[in-house]
Every structure is written in structure tokens, then in C-alpha cells.
Amino acid sequence: MKPHTLSSFDRDLEAIRMNVLAMGGHVETAIVNAANALETRDEDLAAQVVQGDKVIDGLEQDINQQVVRLLALRQPQADDLRSAVAIMKMAGELERLGDYAKNMAKRVPVLITAPVIDGAAGALRRQARLVGQMLKDMLDAFARMDADLARDVITRDIEVDDMTNALFREFITHMMEDPRNITPCLHYVFIAKNIERMGDLVTHGAEHVIFVIDGRHAEDREKGHSTATIAAPNE
């Protein structure tokens, strides 16, 4: 088997890496805009997030095609193959993050017509901002091949889990206090759970970075309390 030309492979792989970082930038923007649209009840901004998801989907398709072409033409060695496959997986995680941001934005028109739950949208924006910072740092770790930063991102996911649990308890309290709050609070519960899943996806991306650098999977991470175990507050 004829080995690939190192400079050509590296050049092609770097081009794909830059596309992943560009895709990540679009996802960061989508998360921020969706959370802001939720807090400000901005239906136009929410619509922009929904439309912008098409760009994210298209970038994932392009990256996958580029990786397949790279594997077919360059015949990479073991380390290079690991990098290429990890990039494809990361693109998939980013696409799903974009879907969650889109789903958050789709709930904005419904919540605009629902009773206002004081502080709920702001709390969800803070939760989303935490995930957005994790995403930014994960992408920086990927750009710099910084395993320590990737591990730091992983440890922060427990904060997202704990924030989700606190929000669930708050929303349950609002629903118990007034049945009119049930509809908006159920939407907020789904949004909070989606943001928690965003944190999991970012964590998976950080694990891919560590795998590329070290050639082994990250250690099992600590998780916050499961939302499935949350009991209703005492009256």
C-alpha cells in the first residue's frame, strides 16, 4: 500500500478541521440566539434560528463527504484514521446541538401567548450560556489539541445537570401553585432537558478531542442527580 503524502493529507485534514470549527461557530450563535429569543420573546429572532439550522445541516453533510473522500484518496495510517473518524463524529454532535437550539426556538411563539413565569426564561438563558461556554472551550480544545481543556469541559457538565434539577423543582412548584402555569412550565421543562442534553453532546465532543490526542477514551465522568429521581416539592 502506498502511504499518503503527509503534506497533502495534513492540508486536507486541516481544511476539514476548519469547517468543523466554522460549523461550531454557527451552533454557538444558534444557542445564544435561541436563548435570547426565549427571554425577550422575540419571534423574529427565533425564526432566524430555525432557518439557520439548514446551514448547520449542510455543513455536516459537507464535512462527512470530505472525510469520506479523504479516507478513500489518502489511505490514512492508524493515527490519521482516528482523527478523521473523530471529526465525523464531532460533526454529528454539532448537528444535533443545532437541532436542540432549533427546537428551543420553535417553542418561542407558543410561550409568547402563555402566562409569564417570572425568572424562568432568564434561568434557561443562563443554563444555555453555560453550555455555550462549554462548547466554545471544546472547540478551542479541538483547535489547539488541548486535552487538559477538553477534560475541564467534561467536568463542567455536572453543573449543567445540577442546574437542570433545580429548574425542574422550580417549574414543578409553579405548576402546583397555579394550574394556569402548567402549559408554559411543561415547555420550560422540555427546554431545560434539551439544554442538559446539549451539555452531554458537548461533553461527547470533548471526549472525541481526548481520543484524538491520547488514543484512548476519557475516563467515566461524574454526573449530577438524574431528573428521573426528582420528587415534587412538599406543599
C-alpha atoms as a PDB file:
ATOM      1  CA  MET A   1       0.000   0.000   0.000  1.00  0.00           C
ATOM      2  CA  LYS A   2       1.412   3.367  -0.980  1.00  0.00           C
ATOM      3  CA  PRO A   3       1.481   5.706   2.015  1.00  0.00           C
ATOM      4  CA  HIS A   4      -0.293   9.020   1.685  1.00  0.00           C
ATOM      5  CA  THR A   5       1.737  12.155   1.053  1.00  0.00           C
ATOM      6  CA  LEU A   6       1.963  13.682   4.513  1.00  0.00           C
ATOM      7  CA  SER A   7       1.680  17.282   3.418  1.00  0.00           C
ATOM      8  CA  SER A   8      -1.344  16.575   1.229  1.00  0.00           C
ATOM      9  CA  PHE A   9      -3.159  14.636   3.949  1.00  0.00           C
ATOM     10  CA  ASP A  10      -2.405  17.254   6.576  1.00  0.00           C
ATOM     11  CA  ARG A  11      -3.616  20.012   4.277  1.00  0.00           C
ATOM     12  CA  ASP A  12      -6.864  18.195   3.536  1.00  0.00           C
ATOM     13  CA  LEU A  13      -7.439  17.297   7.189  1.00  0.00           C
ATOM     14  CA  GLU A  14      -6.777  20.863   8.281  1.00  0.00           C
ATOM     15  CA  ALA A  15      -9.360  22.127   5.781  1.00  0.00           C
ATOM     16  CA  ILE A  16     -11.921  19.757   7.286  1.00  0.00           C
ATOM     17  CA  ARG A  17     -10.977  20.833  10.799  1.00  0.00           C
ATOM     18  CA  MET A  18     -11.573  24.455   9.841  1.00  0.00           C
ATOM     19  CA  ASN A  19     -15.012  23.524   8.519  1.00  0.00           C
ATOM     20  CA  VAL A  20     -15.821  21.823  11.833  1.00  0.00           C
ATOM     21  CA  LEU A  21     -14.790  24.965  13.702  1.00  0.00           C
ATOM     22  CA  ALA A  22     -16.925  27.082  11.366  1.00  0.00           C
ATOM     23  CA  MET A  23     -19.856  24.742  11.964  1.00  0.00           C
ATOM     24  CA  GLY A  24     -19.276  25.036  15.688  1.00  0.00           C
ATOM     25  CA  GLY A  25     -19.412  28.816  15.405  1.00  0.00           C
ATOM     26  CA  HIS A  26     -22.832  28.598  13.749  1.00  0.00           C
ATOM     27  CA  VAL A  27     -24.031  26.307  16.539  1.00  0.00           C
ATOM     28  CA  GLU A  28     -22.738  28.682  19.226  1.00  0.00           C
ATOM     29  CA  THR A  29     -24.682  31.508  17.606  1.00  0.00           C
ATOM     30  CA  ALA A  30     -27.825  29.382  17.348  1.00  0.00           C
ATOM     31  CA  ILE A  31     -27.726  28.512  21.054  1.00  0.00           C
ATOM     32  CA  VAL A  32     -27.205  32.135  22.110  1.00  0.00           C
ATOM     33  CA  ASN A  33     -29.911  33.464  19.789  1.00  0.00           C
ATOM     34  CA  ALA A  34     -32.436  30.795  20.768  1.00  0.00           C
ATOM     35  CA  ALA A  35     -31.943  31.534  24.468  1.00  0.00           C
ATOM     36  CA  ASN A  36     -32.149  35.292  23.880  1.00  0.00           C
ATOM     37  CA  ALA A  37     -35.291  34.888  21.776  1.00  0.00           C
ATOM     38  CA  LEU A  38     -36.833  32.885  24.605  1.00  0.00           C
ATOM     39  CA  GLU A  39     -36.022  35.500  27.228  1.00  0.00           C
ATOM     40  CA  THR A  40     -37.018  38.543  25.132  1.00  0.00           C
ATOM     41  CA  ARG A  41     -39.996  36.782  23.495  1.00  0.00           C
ATOM     42  CA  ASP A  42     -38.556  37.718  20.111  1.00  0.00           C
ATOM     43  CA  GLU A  43     -40.381  35.678  17.491  1.00  0.00           C
ATOM     44  CA  ASP A  44     -38.307  37.059  14.583  1.00  0.00           C
ATOM     45  CA  LEU A  45     -35.025  36.049  16.216  1.00  0.00           C
ATOM     46  CA  ALA A  46     -36.463  32.607  16.928  1.00  0.00           C
ATOM     47  CA  ALA A  47     -37.400  32.261  13.258  1.00  0.00           C
ATOM     48  CA  GLN A  48     -33.816  33.139  12.284  1.00  0.00           C
ATOM     49  CA  VAL A  49     -32.545  30.284  14.450  1.00  0.00           C
ATOM     50  CA  VAL A  50     -34.959  27.838  12.815  1.00  0.00           C
ATOM     51  CA  GLN A  51     -33.931  28.931   9.316  1.00  0.00           C
ATOM     52  CA  GLY A  52     -30.238  28.958  10.217  1.00  0.00           C
ATOM     53  CA  ASP A  53     -30.337  25.274  11.126  1.00  0.00           C
ATOM     54  CA  LYS A  54     -30.301  24.483   7.405  1.00  0.00           C
ATOM     55  CA  VAL A  55     -26.795  25.935   7.204  1.00  0.00           C
ATOM     56  CA  ILE A  56     -25.646  23.718  10.073  1.00  0.00           C
ATOM     57  CA  ASP A  57     -27.170  20.639   8.422  1.00  0.00           C
ATOM     58  CA  GLY A  58     -25.466  21.491   5.153  1.00  0.00           C
ATOM     59  CA  LEU A  59     -22.088  21.885   6.832  1.00  0.00           C
ATOM     60  CA  GLU A  60     -22.409  18.469   8.446  1.00  0.00           C
ATOM     61  CA  GLN A  61     -23.135  16.893   5.060  1.00  0.00           C
ATOM     62  CA  ASP A  62     -20.139  18.663   3.515  1.00  0.00           C
ATOM     63  CA  ILE A  63     -17.818  17.556   6.320  1.00  0.00           C
ATOM     64  CA  ASN A  64     -18.952  13.937   6.080  1.00  0.00           C
ATOM     65  CA  GLN A  65     -18.390  13.942   2.326  1.00  0.00           C
ATOM     66  CA  GLN A  66     -14.946  15.487   2.776  1.00  0.00           C
ATOM     67  CA  VAL A  67     -13.963  12.870   5.359  1.00  0.00           C
ATOM     68  CA  VAL A  68     -15.155  10.001   3.141  1.00  0.00           C
ATOM     69  CA  ARG A  69     -13.212  11.440   0.203  1.00  0.00           C
ATOM     70  CA  LEU A  70     -10.124  11.846   2.395  1.00  0.00           C
ATOM     71  CA  LEU A  71     -10.276   8.253   3.578  1.00  0.00           C
ATOM     72  CA  ALA A  72     -10.717   6.973   0.036  1.00  0.00           C
ATOM     73  CA  LEU A  73      -7.941   9.002  -1.551  1.00  0.00           C
ATOM     74  CA  ARG A  74      -5.282   9.307   1.143  1.00  0.00           C
ATOM     75  CA  GLN A  75      -5.400   5.853   2.757  1.00  0.00           C
ATOM     76  CA  PRO A  76      -4.509   7.175   6.237  1.00  0.00           C
ATOM     77  CA  GLN A  77      -2.492   5.358   8.846  1.00  0.00           C
ATOM     78  CA  ALA A  78      -3.921   4.469  12.285  1.00  0.00           C
ATOM     79  CA  ASP A  79      -3.474   7.863  13.986  1.00  0.00           C
ATOM     80  CA  ASP A  80      -4.761   9.753  10.962  1.00  0.00           C
ATOM     81  CA  LEU A  81      -7.740   7.434  10.653  1.00  0.00           C
ATOM     82  CA  ARG A  82      -8.587   8.079  14.300  1.00  0.00           C
ATOM     83  CA  SER A  83      -8.584  11.826  13.665  1.00  0.00           C
ATOM     84  CA  ALA A  84     -10.769  11.568  10.580  1.00  0.00           C
ATOM     85  CA  VAL A  85     -13.374   9.367  12.261  1.00  0.00           C
ATOM     86  CA  ALA A  86     -13.446  11.562  15.374  1.00  0.00           C
ATOM     87  CA  ILE A  87     -14.054  14.619  13.194  1.00  0.00           C
ATOM     88  CA  MET A  88     -17.016  12.930  11.539  1.00  0.00           C
ATOM     89  CA  LYS A  89     -18.464  12.037  14.939  1.00  0.00           C
ATOM     90  CA  MET A  90     -17.939  15.586  16.177  1.00  0.00           C
ATOM     91  CA  ALA A  91     -19.792  16.988  13.178  1.00  0.00           C
ATOM     92  CA  GLY A  92     -22.699  14.742  14.090  1.00  0.00           C
ATOM     93  CA  GLU A  93     -22.703  16.024  17.679  1.00  0.00           C
ATOM     94  CA  LEU A  94     -22.708  19.623  16.418  1.00  0.00           C
ATOM     95  CA  GLU A  95     -25.621  18.921  14.084  1.00  0.00           C
ATOM     96  CA  ARG A  96     -27.657  17.557  16.986  1.00  0.00           C
ATOM     97  CA  LEU A  97     -26.763  20.604  19.073  1.00  0.00           C
ATOM     98  CA  GLY A  98     -28.146  22.745  16.282  1.00  0.00           C
ATOM     99  CA  ASP A  99     -31.347  20.708  16.318  1.00  0.00           C
ATOM    100  CA  TYR A 100     -31.799  21.324  20.046  1.00  0.00           C
ATOM    101  CA  ALA A 101     -31.278  25.059  19.558  1.00  0.00           C
ATOM    102  CA  LYS A 102     -33.851  24.989  16.756  1.00  0.00           C
ATOM    103  CA  ASN A 103     -36.320  23.126  18.973  1.00  0.00           C
ATOM    104  CA  MET A 104     -35.851  25.739  21.688  1.00  0.00           C
ATOM    105  CA  ALA A 105     -36.568  28.490  19.176  1.00  0.00           C
ATOM    106  CA  LYS A 106     -39.690  26.700  17.917  1.00  0.00           C
ATOM    107  CA  ARG A 107     -41.250  26.960  21.391  1.00  0.00           C
ATOM    108  CA  VAL A 108     -40.915  30.751  21.488  1.00  0.00           C
ATOM    109  CA  PRO A 109     -44.150  31.521  19.521  1.00  0.00           C
ATOM    110  CA  VAL A 110     -46.125  29.235  21.832  1.00  0.00           C
ATOM    111  CA  LEU A 111     -44.660  30.726  25.006  1.00  0.00           C
ATOM    112  CA  ILE A 112     -45.345  34.269  23.831  1.00  0.00           C
ATOM    113  CA  THR A 113     -49.072  33.577  24.188  1.00  0.00           C
ATOM    114  CA  ALA A 114     -48.733  31.704  27.508  1.00  0.00           C
ATOM    115  CA  PRO A 115     -48.672  33.141  31.036  1.00  0.00           C
ATOM    116  CA  VAL A 116     -45.310  34.590  32.045  1.00  0.00           C
ATOM    117  CA  ILE A 117     -43.343  32.559  34.602  1.00  0.00           C
ATOM    118  CA  ASP A 118     -41.152  35.070  36.403  1.00  0.00           C
ATOM    119  CA  GLY A 119     -37.456  34.336  36.014  1.00  0.00           C
ATOM    120  CA  ALA A 120     -37.925  31.136  34.005  1.00  0.00           C
ATOM    121  CA  ALA A 121     -36.642  32.366  30.656  1.00  0.00           C
ATOM    122  CA  GLY A 122     -33.699  34.139  32.285  1.00  0.00           C
ATOM    123  CA  ALA A 123     -32.726  30.995  34.173  1.00  0.00           C
ATOM    124  CA  LEU A 124     -32.850  28.959  30.967  1.00  0.00           C
ATOM    125  CA  ARG A 125     -30.719  31.562  29.213  1.00  0.00           C
ATOM    126  CA  ARG A 126     -28.099  31.211  31.972  1.00  0.00           C
ATOM    127  CA  GLN A 127     -28.220  27.434  31.604  1.00  0.00           C
ATOM    128  CA  ALA A 128     -27.779  27.780  27.833  1.00  0.00           C
ATOM    129  CA  ARG A 129     -24.951  30.276  28.321  1.00  0.00           C
ATOM    130  CA  LEU A 130     -23.101  27.725  30.457  1.00  0.00           C
ATOM    131  CA  VAL A 131     -23.449  25.120  27.700  1.00  0.00           C
ATOM    132  CA  GLY A 132     -22.420  27.705  25.116  1.00  0.00           C
ATOM    133  CA  GLN A 133     -19.208  28.426  27.036  1.00  0.00           C
ATOM    134  CA  MET A 134     -18.538  24.699  27.288  1.00  0.00           C
ATOM    135  CA  LEU A 135     -18.988  24.452  23.519  1.00  0.00           C
ATOM    136  CA  LYS A 136     -16.635  27.360  22.890  1.00  0.00           C
ATOM    137  CA  ASP A 137     -13.964  25.779  25.087  1.00  0.00           C
ATOM    138  CA  MET A 138     -14.484  22.369  23.496  1.00  0.00           C
ATOM    139  CA  LEU A 139     -13.912  23.899  20.060  1.00  0.00           C
ATOM    140  CA  ASP A 140     -10.836  25.731  21.355  1.00  0.00           C
ATOM    141  CA  ALA A 141      -9.535  22.427  22.741  1.00  0.00           C
ATOM    142  CA  PHE A 142     -10.120  20.860  19.330  1.00  0.00           C
ATOM    143  CA  ALA A 143      -8.384  23.712  17.513  1.00  0.00           C
ATOM    144  CA  ARG A 144      -5.340  23.614  19.822  1.00  0.00           C
ATOM    145  CA  MET A 145      -5.414  19.866  20.531  1.00  0.00           C
ATOM    146  CA  ASP A 146      -5.546  20.694  24.238  1.00  0.00           C
ATOM    147  CA  ALA A 147      -6.516  17.606  26.232  1.00  0.00           C
ATOM    148  CA  ASP A 148      -6.478  19.452  29.577  1.00  0.00           C
ATOM    149  CA  LEU A 149      -9.045  21.990  28.361  1.00  0.00           C
ATOM    150  CA  ALA A 150     -11.182  19.158  26.979  1.00  0.00           C
ATOM    151  CA  ARG A 151     -11.111  17.435  30.365  1.00  0.00           C
ATOM    152  CA  ASP A 152     -12.103  20.695  32.051  1.00  0.00           C
ATOM    153  CA  VAL A 153     -15.119  20.914  29.748  1.00  0.00           C
ATOM    154  CA  ILE A 154     -16.163  17.409  30.775  1.00  0.00           C
ATOM    155  CA  THR A 155     -16.056  18.254  34.481  1.00  0.00           C
ATOM    156  CA  ARG A 156     -18.373  21.242  33.954  1.00  0.00           C
ATOM    157  CA  ASP A 157     -21.236  19.108  32.679  1.00  0.00           C
ATOM    158  CA  ILE A 158     -22.213  18.231  36.239  1.00  0.00           C
ATOM    159  CA  GLU A 159     -23.049  21.916  36.783  1.00  0.00           C
ATOM    160  CA  VAL A 160     -25.468  21.746  33.849  1.00  0.00           C
ATOM    161  CA  ASP A 161     -27.071  18.625  35.329  1.00  0.00           C
ATOM    162  CA  ASP A 162     -27.476  20.243  38.737  1.00  0.00           C
ATOM    163  CA  MET A 163     -28.928  23.403  37.192  1.00  0.00           C
ATOM    164  CA  THR A 164     -31.452  21.264  35.302  1.00  0.00           C
ATOM    165  CA  ASN A 165     -32.557  19.568  38.513  1.00  0.00           C
ATOM    166  CA  ALA A 166     -33.012  22.913  40.247  1.00  0.00           C
ATOM    167  CA  LEU A 167     -35.092  24.226  37.348  1.00  0.00           C
ATOM    168  CA  PHE A 168     -37.286  21.130  37.340  1.00  0.00           C
ATOM    169  CA  ARG A 169     -38.105  21.652  41.012  1.00  0.00           C
ATOM    170  CA  GLU A 170     -38.879  25.303  40.386  1.00  0.00           C
ATOM    171  CA  PHE A 171     -41.205  24.525  37.480  1.00  0.00           C
ATOM    172  CA  ILE A 172     -42.995  21.809  39.455  1.00  0.00           C
ATOM    173  CA  THR A 173     -43.603  24.341  42.212  1.00  0.00           C
ATOM    174  CA  HIS A 174     -45.107  26.823  39.769  1.00  0.00           C
ATOM    175  CA  MET A 175     -47.413  24.141  38.343  1.00  0.00           C
ATOM    176  CA  MET A 176     -48.595  23.129  41.808  1.00  0.00           C
ATOM    177  CA  GLU A 177     -49.312  26.729  42.748  1.00  0.00           C
ATOM    178  CA  ASP A 178     -51.462  27.577  39.735  1.00  0.00           C
ATOM    179  CA  PRO A 179     -52.852  25.219  37.046  1.00  0.00           C
ATOM    180  CA  ARG A 180     -52.554  28.037  34.501  1.00  0.00           C
ATOM    181  CA  ASN A 181     -48.798  27.655  34.776  1.00  0.00           C
ATOM    182  CA  ILE A 182     -48.847  24.034  33.640  1.00  0.00           C
ATOM    183  CA  THR A 183     -48.619  24.684  29.878  1.00  0.00           C
ATOM    184  CA  PRO A 184     -45.692  27.159  29.930  1.00  0.00           C
ATOM    185  CA  CYS A 185     -43.871  25.199  32.634  1.00  0.00           C
ATOM    186  CA  LEU A 186     -44.098  21.974  30.641  1.00  0.00           C
ATOM    187  CA  HIS A 187     -42.482  23.787  27.707  1.00  0.00           C
ATOM    188  CA  TYR A 188     -39.787  25.111  30.016  1.00  0.00           C
ATOM    189  CA  VAL A 189     -39.179  21.606  31.379  1.00  0.00           C
ATOM    190  CA  PHE A 190     -38.623  20.280  27.855  1.00  0.00           C
ATOM    191  CA  ILE A 191     -36.289  23.179  27.076  1.00  0.00           C
ATOM    192  CA  ALA A 192     -34.270  22.635  30.261  1.00  0.00           C
ATOM    193  CA  LYS A 193     -33.950  18.928  29.465  1.00  0.00           C
ATOM    194  CA  ASN A 194     -32.835  19.744  25.911  1.00  0.00           C
ATOM    195  CA  ILE A 195     -30.171  22.106  27.224  1.00  0.00           C
ATOM    196  CA  GLU A 196     -28.997  19.349  29.564  1.00  0.00           C
ATOM    197  CA  ARG A 197     -28.685  17.079  26.520  1.00  0.00           C
ATOM    198  CA  MET A 198     -26.723  19.822  24.781  1.00  0.00           C
ATOM    199  CA  GLY A 199     -24.245  19.627  27.647  1.00  0.00           C
ATOM    200  CA  ASP A 200     -23.963  15.876  27.123  1.00  0.00           C
ATOM    201  CA  LEU A 201     -23.266  16.390  23.413  1.00  0.00           C
ATOM    202  CA  VAL A 202     -20.581  18.975  24.117  1.00  0.00           C
ATOM    203  CA  THR A 203     -19.053  16.550  26.601  1.00  0.00           C
ATOM    204  CA  HIS A 204     -19.010  13.840  23.932  1.00  0.00           C
ATOM    205  CA  GLY A 205     -17.199  16.280  21.643  1.00  0.00           C
ATOM    206  CA  ALA A 206     -14.584  16.885  24.342  1.00  0.00           C
ATOM    207  CA  GLU A 207     -14.186  13.118  24.699  1.00  0.00           C
ATOM    208  CA  HIS A 208     -13.527  12.886  20.946  1.00  0.00           C
ATOM    209  CA  VAL A 209     -10.781  15.518  21.316  1.00  0.00           C
ATOM    210  CA  ILE A 210      -9.131  13.493  24.072  1.00  0.00           C
ATOM    211  CA  PHE A 211      -9.396  10.339  21.967  1.00  0.00           C
ATOM    212  CA  VAL A 212      -7.656  12.018  19.031  1.00  0.00           C
ATOM    213  CA  ILE A 213      -4.849  13.310  21.251  1.00  0.00           C
ATOM    214  CA  ASP A 214      -4.270  10.377  23.598  1.00  0.00           C
ATOM    215  CA  GLY A 215      -5.641   7.487  21.557  1.00  0.00           C
ATOM    216  CA  ARG A 216      -7.871   6.339  24.418  1.00  0.00           C
ATOM    217  CA  HIS A 217     -11.318   7.176  25.648  1.00  0.00           C
ATOM    218  CA  ALA A 218     -11.813   9.618  28.510  1.00  0.00           C
ATOM    219  CA  GLU A 219     -12.439   8.257  31.988  1.00  0.00           C
ATOM    220  CA  ASP A 220     -16.047   7.856  33.132  1.00  0.00           C
ATOM    221  CA  ARG A 221     -17.334  11.261  34.184  1.00  0.00           C
ATOM    222  CA  GLU A 222     -19.345  12.158  37.249  1.00  0.00           C
ATOM    223  CA  LYS A 223     -22.957  13.091  36.591  1.00  0.00           C
ATOM    224  CA  GLY A 224     -25.398  15.214  38.545  1.00  0.00           C
ATOM    225  CA  HIS A 225     -28.527  13.731  40.061  1.00  0.00           C
ATOM    226  CA  SER A 226     -30.884  12.306  37.462  1.00  0.00           C
ATOM    227  CA  THR A 227     -34.022  14.301  36.797  1.00  0.00           C
ATOM    228  CA  ALA A 228     -35.905  10.991  36.853  1.00  0.00           C
ATOM    229  CA  THR A 229     -35.454  10.863  40.636  1.00  0.00           C
ATOM    230  CA  ILE A 230     -36.778  14.344  41.378  1.00  0.00           C
ATOM    231  CA  ALA A 231     -39.721  14.354  43.740  1.00  0.00           C
ATOM    232  CA  ALA A 232     -42.369  17.018  43.875  1.00  0.00           C
ATOM    233  CA  PRO A 233     -41.682  19.713  46.489  1.00  0.00           C
ATOM    234  CA  ASN A 234     -43.527  19.490  49.766  1.00  0.00           C
ATOM    235  CA  GLU A 235     -46.583  21.701  49.905  1.00  0.00           C
END
